[in-house]
């Protein structure tokens, strides 16, 4: 659909370790395991780390994003753990001890993709990373993919209630294109904002030590989930409400209702 669009390397890599509870038995980790569902974050020059529970707290995921192209391109693939630990020398001892407890690391490069002008062509559309690949710094890649699927599925499901096996093929294709445009109308602009916010958040996470970093940390120290107004998407209450408070079922149903009200399906007789 967009053959000239190619992923753009950022020079940043993500390094991941997976832990069982038994691997994190040291007293140093007790405060990290005590509150289920809470993510822990570390930020520093050219890097950040996120630690969070999986599978109801039986497993734990650690992801370290390093935006140092020289290190990432010269790091010995067979010695990732000691190499990353050495690169993080001087960081929180708890994080370094966690790396000591890890059995191994896997890594993958991070890419960005320019905003696609459109997602749909004929009766084909794009969803998820194919439509709006994003950096992981807002943790919204999978979430937006699920949103895409729910909205598209709802719209197609409602359409299917209004057609039958005798519906003319040309008419069905016309209305499929209408549904795909309606889906894209809901998701294209929203996901573009999230992609941009993810890039910006990565920049803020990786600030060098200095006035900007101290101002960032001061805002984090004053964080209030209901009231904080900030340029930092992570802690801005309005951004979090837009990201996490969207009632996707109502959005999708409302969009289909608007199509009906506009007469988009006037040629159809609902199935009885």
C-alpha atoms as a PDB file:
ATOM      1  CA  UNK A   1       0.000   0.000   0.000  1.00  0.00           C
ATOM      2  CA  UNK A   2       2.936   2.348   0.765  1.00  0.00           C
ATOM      3  CA  UNK A   3       5.978   0.680  -0.842  1.00  0.00           C
ATOM      4  CA  UNK A   4       8.167   3.776  -0.516  1.00  0.00           C
ATOM      5  CA  UNK A   5       7.702   3.934   3.267  1.00  0.00           C
ATOM      6  CA  UNK A   6      10.462   2.129   5.132  1.00  0.00           C
ATOM      7  CA  UNK A   7      11.255   1.774   8.853  1.00  0.00           C
ATOM      8  CA  UNK A   8      13.844   4.305  10.016  1.00  0.00           C
ATOM      9  CA  UNK A   9      16.478   3.106  12.518  1.00  0.00           C
ATOM     10  CA  UNK A  10      16.604   5.286  15.639  1.00  0.00           C
ATOM     11  CA  UNK A  11      19.932   3.941  16.890  1.00  0.00           C
ATOM     12  CA  UNK A  12      18.105   2.945  20.074  1.00  0.00           C
ATOM     13  CA  UNK A  13      17.860  -0.648  21.300  1.00  0.00           C
ATOM     14  CA  UNK A  14      15.642  -2.316  23.889  1.00  0.00           C
ATOM     15  CA  UNK A  15      17.189  -4.952  26.162  1.00  0.00           C
ATOM     16  CA  UNK A  16      14.777  -7.318  27.882  1.00  0.00           C
ATOM     17  CA  UNK A  17      15.022  -9.740  30.798  1.00  0.00           C
ATOM     18  CA  UNK A  18      12.257 -11.941  32.185  1.00  0.00           C
ATOM     19  CA  UNK A  19      12.271 -13.000  35.849  1.00  0.00           C
ATOM     20  CA  UNK A  20      10.462 -15.512  38.024  1.00  0.00           C
ATOM     21  CA  UNK A  21       9.751 -14.606  41.652  1.00  0.00           C
ATOM     22  CA  UNK A  22      12.459 -16.984  42.805  1.00  0.00           C
ATOM     23  CA  UNK A  23      15.057 -15.030  40.831  1.00  0.00           C
ATOM     24  CA  UNK A  24      14.057 -11.894  42.741  1.00  0.00           C
ATOM     25  CA  UNK A  25      14.220 -13.340  46.263  1.00  0.00           C
ATOM     26  CA  UNK A  26      16.844 -10.844  47.450  1.00  0.00           C
ATOM     27  CA  UNK A  27      15.603  -8.375  50.115  1.00  0.00           C
ATOM     28  CA  UNK A  28      16.703  -5.614  47.731  1.00  0.00           C
ATOM     29  CA  UNK A  29      13.716  -6.377  45.524  1.00  0.00           C
ATOM     30  CA  UNK A  30      11.046  -6.661  48.202  1.00  0.00           C
ATOM     31  CA  UNK A  31       9.729  -3.142  47.634  1.00  0.00           C
ATOM     32  CA  UNK A  32       9.446  -3.825  43.893  1.00  0.00           C
ATOM     33  CA  UNK A  33       7.302  -6.916  44.359  1.00  0.00           C
ATOM     34  CA  UNK A  34       5.048  -5.733  47.145  1.00  0.00           C
ATOM     35  CA  UNK A  35       2.474  -3.868  45.041  1.00  0.00           C
ATOM     36  CA  UNK A  36       0.962  -5.890  42.212  1.00  0.00           C
ATOM     37  CA  UNK A  37       0.224  -3.985  39.031  1.00  0.00           C
ATOM     38  CA  UNK A  38       2.688  -1.153  39.696  1.00  0.00           C
ATOM     39  CA  UNK A  39       5.397  -0.322  37.154  1.00  0.00           C
ATOM     40  CA  UNK A  40       8.778   0.985  38.276  1.00  0.00           C
ATOM     41  CA  UNK A  41      10.811   3.315  36.092  1.00  0.00           C
ATOM     42  CA  UNK A  42      14.382   4.563  36.013  1.00  0.00           C
ATOM     43  CA  UNK A  43      15.536   7.441  33.808  1.00  0.00           C
ATOM     44  CA  UNK A  44      18.991   8.731  33.006  1.00  0.00           C
ATOM     45  CA  UNK A  45      21.168  10.118  30.222  1.00  0.00           C
ATOM     46  CA  UNK A  46      20.496   8.192  27.005  1.00  0.00           C
ATOM     47  CA  UNK A  47      18.570   5.409  28.740  1.00  0.00           C
ATOM     48  CA  UNK A  48      15.542   4.399  30.744  1.00  0.00           C
ATOM     49  CA  UNK A  49      14.328   1.172  32.326  1.00  0.00           C
ATOM     50  CA  UNK A  50      10.859  -0.139  33.129  1.00  0.00           C
ATOM     51  CA  UNK A  51      10.014  -3.052  35.441  1.00  0.00           C
ATOM     52  CA  UNK A  52       6.519  -4.488  35.785  1.00  0.00           C
ATOM     53  CA  UNK A  53       4.663  -7.705  36.686  1.00  0.00           C
ATOM     54  CA  UNK A  54       3.178 -10.212  34.251  1.00  0.00           C
ATOM     55  CA  UNK A  55       0.760 -13.103  34.721  1.00  0.00           C
ATOM     56  CA  UNK A  56      -0.647 -11.860  38.031  1.00  0.00           C
ATOM     57  CA  UNK A  57       2.784 -11.291  39.512  1.00  0.00           C
ATOM     58  CA  UNK A  58       4.264 -14.702  38.776  1.00  0.00           C
ATOM     59  CA  UNK A  59       6.667 -13.256  36.203  1.00  0.00           C
ATOM     60  CA  UNK A  60       8.335  -9.860  35.901  1.00  0.00           C
ATOM     61  CA  UNK A  61       9.572  -7.997  32.853  1.00  0.00           C
ATOM     62  CA  UNK A  62      12.521  -5.613  32.742  1.00  0.00           C
ATOM     63  CA  UNK A  63      13.099  -3.527  29.623  1.00  0.00           C
ATOM     64  CA  UNK A  64      16.065  -1.187  29.317  1.00  0.00           C
ATOM     65  CA  UNK A  65      16.070   1.220  26.374  1.00  0.00           C
ATOM     66  CA  UNK A  66      19.523   2.543  25.490  1.00  0.00           C
ATOM     67  CA  UNK A  67      19.824   5.403  23.002  1.00  0.00           C
ATOM     68  CA  UNK A  68      23.591   5.197  22.557  1.00  0.00           C
ATOM     69  CA  UNK A  69      24.145   4.127  18.930  1.00  0.00           C
ATOM     70  CA  UNK A  70      27.868   3.482  19.407  1.00  0.00           C
ATOM     71  CA  UNK A  71      27.279   1.126  22.327  1.00  0.00           C
ATOM     72  CA  UNK A  72      24.368  -0.596  20.627  1.00  0.00           C
ATOM     73  CA  UNK A  73      26.270  -1.210  17.410  1.00  0.00           C
ATOM     74  CA  UNK A  74      29.489  -2.399  19.059  1.00  0.00           C
ATOM     75  CA  UNK A  75      28.028  -4.366  21.972  1.00  0.00           C
ATOM     76  CA  UNK A  76      29.106  -8.016  21.974  1.00  0.00           C
ATOM     77  CA  UNK A  77      25.991 -10.065  21.239  1.00  0.00           C
ATOM     78  CA  UNK A  78      27.418 -12.931  23.303  1.00  0.00           C
ATOM     79  CA  UNK A  79      28.007 -10.754  26.359  1.00  0.00           C
ATOM     80  CA  UNK A  80      24.921  -8.567  26.576  1.00  0.00           C
ATOM     81  CA  UNK A  81      24.429  -8.861  30.338  1.00  0.00           C
ATOM     82  CA  UNK A  82      27.899  -7.755  31.432  1.00  0.00           C
ATOM     83  CA  UNK A  83      28.048  -5.144  28.672  1.00  0.00           C
ATOM     84  CA  UNK A  84      24.735  -3.523  29.612  1.00  0.00           C
ATOM     85  CA  UNK A  85      25.566  -3.703  33.306  1.00  0.00           C
ATOM     86  CA  UNK A  86      28.881  -1.957  32.686  1.00  0.00           C
ATOM     87  CA  UNK A  87      27.173   0.710  30.569  1.00  0.00           C
ATOM     88  CA  UNK A  88      24.753   1.360  33.451  1.00  0.00           C
ATOM     89  CA  UNK A  89      27.538   1.673  36.011  1.00  0.00           C
ATOM     90  CA  UNK A  90      26.548   4.304  38.580  1.00  0.00           C
ATOM     91  CA  UNK A  91      22.797   3.733  38.211  1.00  0.00           C
ATOM     92  CA  UNK A  92      20.528   2.568  41.032  1.00  0.00           C
ATOM     93  CA  UNK A  93      22.163  -0.434  42.775  1.00  0.00           C
ATOM     94  CA  UNK A  94      18.791  -2.205  42.796  1.00  0.00           C
ATOM     95  CA  UNK A  95      18.674  -2.106  39.001  1.00  0.00           C
ATOM     96  CA  UNK A  96      22.241  -3.365  38.746  1.00  0.00           C
ATOM     97  CA  UNK A  97      21.523  -6.190  41.198  1.00  0.00           C
ATOM     98  CA  UNK A  98      18.509  -7.095  39.106  1.00  0.00           C
ATOM     99  CA  UNK A  99      20.774  -7.511  36.099  1.00  0.00           C
ATOM    100  CA  UNK A 100      22.993  -9.761  38.215  1.00  0.00           C
ATOM    101  CA  UNK A 101      19.920 -11.925  38.894  1.00  0.00           C
ATOM    102  CA  UNK A 102      18.972 -12.159  35.217  1.00  0.00           C
ATOM    103  CA  UNK A 103      19.714 -15.356  33.337  1.00  0.00           C
ATOM    104  CA  UNK A 104      20.111 -13.598  29.993  1.00  0.00           C
ATOM    105  CA  UNK A 105      19.082 -10.582  27.927  1.00  0.00           C
ATOM    106  CA  UNK A 106      17.497 -10.373  24.524  1.00  0.00           C
ATOM    107  CA  UNK A 107      17.634  -7.187  22.509  1.00  0.00           C
ATOM    108  CA  UNK A 108      15.995  -5.660  19.485  1.00  0.00           C
ATOM    109  CA  UNK A 109      16.501  -2.401  17.585  1.00  0.00           C
ATOM    110  CA  UNK A 110      13.833   0.286  17.718  1.00  0.00           C
ATOM    111  CA  UNK A 111      12.563   1.840  14.499  1.00  0.00           C
ATOM    112  CA  UNK A 112      10.198   4.646  13.697  1.00  0.00           C
ATOM    113  CA  UNK A 113       7.940   4.990  10.666  1.00  0.00           C
ATOM    114  CA  UNK A 114       6.720   8.223   9.121  1.00  0.00           C
ATOM    115  CA  UNK A 115       2.993   8.890   9.383  1.00  0.00           C
ATOM    116  CA  UNK A 116       1.122   7.124   6.603  1.00  0.00           C
ATOM    117  CA  UNK A 117      -1.219   9.417   4.639  1.00  0.00           C
ATOM    118  CA  UNK A 118      -3.943   6.765   4.554  1.00  0.00           C
ATOM    119  CA  UNK A 119      -4.525   3.208   5.744  1.00  0.00           C
ATOM    120  CA  UNK A 120      -7.266   1.928   3.466  1.00  0.00           C
ATOM    121  CA  UNK A 121      -7.375   1.096  -0.221  1.00  0.00           C
ATOM    122  CA  UNK A 122     -10.420  -0.522  -1.732  1.00  0.00           C
ATOM    123  CA  UNK A 123     -11.643  -3.148   0.713  1.00  0.00           C
ATOM    124  CA  UNK A 124      -8.263  -3.564   2.436  1.00  0.00           C
ATOM    125  CA  UNK A 125      -7.066  -1.668   5.495  1.00  0.00           C
ATOM    126  CA  UNK A 126      -4.156  -1.609   7.924  1.00  0.00           C
ATOM    127  CA  UNK A 127      -4.236  -1.993  11.693  1.00  0.00           C
ATOM    128  CA  UNK A 128      -1.770  -2.044  14.580  1.00  0.00           C
ATOM    129  CA  UNK A 129       1.925  -1.694  13.832  1.00  0.00           C
ATOM    130  CA  UNK A 130       1.274  -1.945  10.091  1.00  0.00           C
ATOM    131  CA  UNK A 131      -0.690   1.313  10.351  1.00  0.00           C
ATOM    132  CA  UNK A 132       1.056   3.212  13.142  1.00  0.00           C
ATOM    133  CA  UNK A 133       4.249   1.593  14.397  1.00  0.00           C
ATOM    134  CA  UNK A 134       5.464   3.476  17.451  1.00  0.00           C
ATOM    135  CA  UNK A 135       8.331   3.575  19.907  1.00  0.00           C
ATOM    136  CA  UNK A 136       7.557   1.907  23.254  1.00  0.00           C
ATOM    137  CA  UNK A 137       7.971   4.947  25.499  1.00  0.00           C
ATOM    138  CA  UNK A 138       4.239   5.403  26.145  1.00  0.00           C
ATOM    139  CA  UNK A 139       3.538   1.656  26.268  1.00  0.00           C
ATOM    140  CA  UNK A 140       0.641   2.086  23.820  1.00  0.00           C
ATOM    141  CA  UNK A 141       1.623  -0.056  20.839  1.00  0.00           C
ATOM    142  CA  UNK A 142      -0.423  -3.129  21.746  1.00  0.00           C
ATOM    143  CA  UNK A 143      -3.182  -1.002  23.275  1.00  0.00           C
ATOM    144  CA  UNK A 144      -3.782   0.967  20.088  1.00  0.00           C
ATOM    145  CA  UNK A 145      -3.719  -2.251  18.075  1.00  0.00           C
ATOM    146  CA  UNK A 146      -6.473  -3.650  20.305  1.00  0.00           C
ATOM    147  CA  UNK A 147      -8.428  -0.407  19.857  1.00  0.00           C
ATOM    148  CA  UNK A 148      -8.107  -0.736  16.087  1.00  0.00           C
ATOM    149  CA  UNK A 149      -9.386  -4.286  16.162  1.00  0.00           C
ATOM    150  CA  UNK A 150     -12.298  -3.527  18.470  1.00  0.00           C
ATOM    151  CA  UNK A 151     -13.474  -0.538  16.456  1.00  0.00           C
ATOM    152  CA  UNK A 152     -13.067  -2.246  13.100  1.00  0.00           C
ATOM    153  CA  UNK A 153     -14.743  -5.401  14.388  1.00  0.00           C
ATOM    154  CA  UNK A 154     -17.672  -3.448  15.799  1.00  0.00           C
ATOM    155  CA  UNK A 155     -18.234  -1.502  12.589  1.00  0.00           C
ATOM    156  CA  UNK A 156     -17.994  -4.612  10.428  1.00  0.00           C
ATOM    157  CA  UNK A 157     -20.228  -6.510  12.821  1.00  0.00           C
ATOM    158  CA  UNK A 158     -22.921  -3.857  12.625  1.00  0.00           C
ATOM    159  CA  UNK A 159     -22.628  -3.817   8.844  1.00  0.00           C
ATOM    160  CA  UNK A 160     -22.991  -7.606   8.705  1.00  0.00           C
ATOM    161  CA  UNK A 161     -26.361  -7.281  10.431  1.00  0.00           C
ATOM    162  CA  UNK A 162     -27.623  -5.275   7.467  1.00  0.00           C
ATOM    163  CA  UNK A 163     -26.524  -7.517   4.599  1.00  0.00           C
ATOM    164  CA  UNK A 164     -27.277 -11.010   3.374  1.00  0.00           C
ATOM    165  CA  UNK A 165     -26.002 -13.498   0.855  1.00  0.00           C
ATOM    166  CA  UNK A 166     -28.138 -11.840  -1.803  1.00  0.00           C
ATOM    167  CA  UNK A 167     -26.578  -8.400  -1.337  1.00  0.00           C
ATOM    168  CA  UNK A 168     -25.040  -7.299  -4.667  1.00  0.00           C
ATOM    169  CA  UNK A 169     -21.261  -7.565  -4.578  1.00  0.00           C
ATOM    170  CA  UNK A 170     -20.710  -4.007  -5.837  1.00  0.00           C
ATOM    171  CA  UNK A 171     -23.011  -2.622  -3.166  1.00  0.00           C
ATOM    172  CA  UNK A 172     -21.296  -4.615  -0.436  1.00  0.00           C
ATOM    173  CA  UNK A 173     -17.873  -3.388  -1.551  1.00  0.00           C
ATOM    174  CA  UNK A 174     -19.120   0.187  -1.532  1.00  0.00           C
ATOM    175  CA  UNK A 175     -20.320  -0.097   2.039  1.00  0.00           C
ATOM    176  CA  UNK A 176     -17.172  -1.903   3.141  1.00  0.00           C
ATOM    177  CA  UNK A 177     -15.190   1.075   1.890  1.00  0.00           C
ATOM    178  CA  UNK A 178     -17.511   3.345   3.875  1.00  0.00           C
ATOM    179  CA  UNK A 179     -16.840   1.338   7.039  1.00  0.00           C
ATOM    180  CA  UNK A 180     -13.077   1.388   6.486  1.00  0.00           C
ATOM    181  CA  UNK A 181     -13.130   5.163   6.038  1.00  0.00           C
ATOM    182  CA  UNK A 182     -15.133   5.480   9.253  1.00  0.00           C
ATOM    183  CA  UNK A 183     -12.625   3.301  11.131  1.00  0.00           C
ATOM    184  CA  UNK A 184      -9.701   5.302   9.791  1.00  0.00           C
ATOM    185  CA  UNK A 185     -11.434   8.566  10.676  1.00  0.00           C
ATOM    186  CA  UNK A 186     -11.565   7.465  14.312  1.00  0.00           C
ATOM    187  CA  UNK A 187      -8.042   6.089  14.592  1.00  0.00           C
ATOM    188  CA  UNK A 188      -5.724   7.853  12.156  1.00  0.00           C
ATOM    189  CA  UNK A 189      -5.370  11.178  13.942  1.00  0.00           C
ATOM    190  CA  UNK A 190      -5.485   9.672  17.435  1.00  0.00           C
ATOM    191  CA  UNK A 191      -2.700   7.190  16.786  1.00  0.00           C
ATOM    192  CA  UNK A 192      -0.572   9.839  15.041  1.00  0.00           C
ATOM    193  CA  UNK A 193      -0.679  11.871  18.258  1.00  0.00           C
ATOM    194  CA  UNK A 194       0.321   8.823  20.301  1.00  0.00           C
ATOM    195  CA  UNK A 195       3.213   8.061  17.934  1.00  0.00           C
ATOM    196  CA  UNK A 196       4.447  11.644  18.317  1.00  0.00           C
ATOM    197  CA  UNK A 197       3.970  11.522  22.083  1.00  0.00           C
ATOM    198  CA  UNK A 198       5.969   8.293  22.304  1.00  0.00           C
ATOM    199  CA  UNK A 199       8.921   9.871  20.508  1.00  0.00           C
ATOM    200  CA  UNK A 200       8.747  12.960  22.712  1.00  0.00           C
ATOM    201  CA  UNK A 201       8.534  10.870  25.881  1.00  0.00           C
ATOM    202  CA  UNK A 202      11.666   8.991  24.868  1.00  0.00           C
ATOM    203  CA  UNK A 203      13.515  12.302  24.514  1.00  0.00           C
ATOM    204  CA  UNK A 204      12.378  13.381  27.973  1.00  0.00           C
ATOM    205  CA  UNK A 205      13.277  10.038  29.526  1.00  0.00           C
ATOM    206  CA  UNK A 206      16.831  10.272  28.183  1.00  0.00           C
ATOM    207  CA  UNK A 207      17.710  13.864  29.081  1.00  0.00           C
ATOM    208  CA  UNK A 208      21.316  14.509  30.104  1.00  0.00           C
ATOM    209  CA  UNK A 209      21.908  15.773  33.606  1.00  0.00           C
ATOM    210  CA  UNK A 210      21.218  19.488  33.788  1.00  0.00           C
ATOM    211  CA  UNK A 211      18.441  22.073  34.208  1.00  0.00           C
ATOM    212  CA  UNK A 212      15.941  20.296  31.928  1.00  0.00           C
ATOM    213  CA  UNK A 213      16.488  17.001  33.720  1.00  0.00           C
ATOM    214  CA  UNK A 214      16.072  18.624  37.130  1.00  0.00           C
ATOM    215  CA  UNK A 215      12.865  20.345  36.007  1.00  0.00           C
ATOM    216  CA  UNK A 216      11.554  17.018  34.721  1.00  0.00           C
ATOM    217  CA  UNK A 217      12.356  15.271  37.989  1.00  0.00           C
ATOM    218  CA  UNK A 218      10.718  18.050  40.002  1.00  0.00           C
ATOM    219  CA  UNK A 219       7.508  17.594  38.018  1.00  0.00           C
ATOM    220  CA  UNK A 220       7.586  13.869  38.651  1.00  0.00           C
ATOM    221  CA  UNK A 221       8.022  14.502  42.376  1.00  0.00           C
ATOM    222  CA  UNK A 222       4.821  16.604  42.391  1.00  0.00           C
ATOM    223  CA  UNK A 223       2.804  14.109  40.344  1.00  0.00           C
ATOM    224  CA  UNK A 224      -0.933  13.931  40.993  1.00  0.00           C
ATOM    225  CA  UNK A 225      -2.823  11.482  38.779  1.00  0.00           C
ATOM    226  CA  UNK A 226      -5.926  13.695  38.729  1.00  0.00           C
ATOM    227  CA  UNK A 227      -4.486  17.199  38.554  1.00  0.00           C
ATOM    228  CA  UNK A 228      -0.990  17.289  37.071  1.00  0.00           C
ATOM    229  CA  UNK A 229      -0.693  19.442  33.952  1.00  0.00           C
ATOM    230  CA  UNK A 230       2.599  18.791  32.197  1.00  0.00           C
ATOM    231  CA  UNK A 231       4.263  18.701  28.797  1.00  0.00           C
ATOM    232  CA  UNK A 232       5.377  15.185  29.754  1.00  0.00           C
ATOM    233  CA  UNK A 233       2.773  12.713  28.485  1.00  0.00           C
ATOM    234  CA  UNK A 234       3.590  10.164  31.199  1.00  0.00           C
ATOM    235  CA  UNK A 235       2.301  12.376  33.995  1.00  0.00           C
ATOM    236  CA  UNK A 236      -0.098  14.783  32.285  1.00  0.00           C
ATOM    237  CA  UNK A 237      -3.556  13.986  33.660  1.00  0.00           C
ATOM    238  CA  UNK A 238      -5.300  15.099  30.460  1.00  0.00           C
ATOM    239  CA  UNK A 239      -3.119  12.878  28.291  1.00  0.00           C
ATOM    240  CA  UNK A 240      -3.694   9.905  30.556  1.00  0.00           C
ATOM    241  CA  UNK A 241      -7.438  10.425  30.418  1.00  0.00           C
ATOM    242  CA  UNK A 242      -7.292  10.537  26.614  1.00  0.00           C
ATOM    243  CA  UNK A 243      -5.120   7.432  26.468  1.00  0.00           C
ATOM    244  CA  UNK A 244      -6.713   5.306  29.158  1.00  0.00           C
ATOM    245  CA  UNK A 245     -10.206   6.707  29.610  1.00  0.00           C
ATOM    246  CA  UNK A 246     -11.548   6.246  26.107  1.00  0.00           C
ATOM    247  CA  UNK A 247     -14.719   4.152  25.984  1.00  0.00           C
ATOM    248  CA  UNK A 248     -13.992   2.428  22.727  1.00  0.00           C
ATOM    249  CA  UNK A 249     -17.291   0.555  22.592  1.00  0.00           C
ATOM    250  CA  UNK A 250     -19.231   3.815  22.782  1.00  0.00           C
ATOM    251  CA  UNK A 251     -16.935   5.439  20.225  1.00  0.00           C
ATOM    252  CA  UNK A 252     -17.450   2.616  17.725  1.00  0.00           C
ATOM    253  CA  UNK A 253     -21.207   2.386  18.220  1.00  0.00           C
ATOM    254  CA  UNK A 254     -21.507   6.155  17.930  1.00  0.00           C
ATOM    255  CA  UNK A 255     -19.587   6.159  14.676  1.00  0.00           C
ATOM    256  CA  UNK A 256     -21.887   3.548  13.156  1.00  0.00           C
ATOM    257  CA  UNK A 257     -24.927   5.488  14.338  1.00  0.00           C
ATOM    258  CA  UNK A 258     -23.569   8.572  12.550  1.00  0.00           C
ATOM    259  CA  UNK A 259     -23.177   6.574   9.351  1.00  0.00           C
ATOM    260  CA  UNK A 260     -26.793   5.469   9.609  1.00  0.00           C
ATOM    261  CA  UNK A 261     -27.998   8.996  10.313  1.00  0.00           C
ATOM    262  CA  UNK A 262     -26.090  10.263   7.278  1.00  0.00           C
ATOM    263  CA  UNK A 263     -27.880   7.741   5.076  1.00  0.00           C
ATOM    264  CA  UNK A 264     -24.722   5.801   4.238  1.00  0.00           C
ATOM    265  CA  UNK A 265     -26.603   2.504   4.327  1.00  0.00           C
ATOM    266  CA  UNK A 266     -29.887   3.659   2.814  1.00  0.00           C
ATOM    267  CA  UNK A 267     -29.533   1.035   0.078  1.00  0.00           C
ATOM    268  CA  UNK A 268     -29.653  -1.752   2.660  1.00  0.00           C
ATOM    269  CA  UNK A 269     -32.520  -3.534   4.257  1.00  0.00           C
ATOM    270  CA  UNK A 270     -31.597  -4.754   7.756  1.00  0.00           C
ATOM    271  CA  UNK A 271     -31.742  -8.517   8.154  1.00  0.00           C
ATOM    272  CA  UNK A 272     -34.714  -9.669  10.214  1.00  0.00           C
END
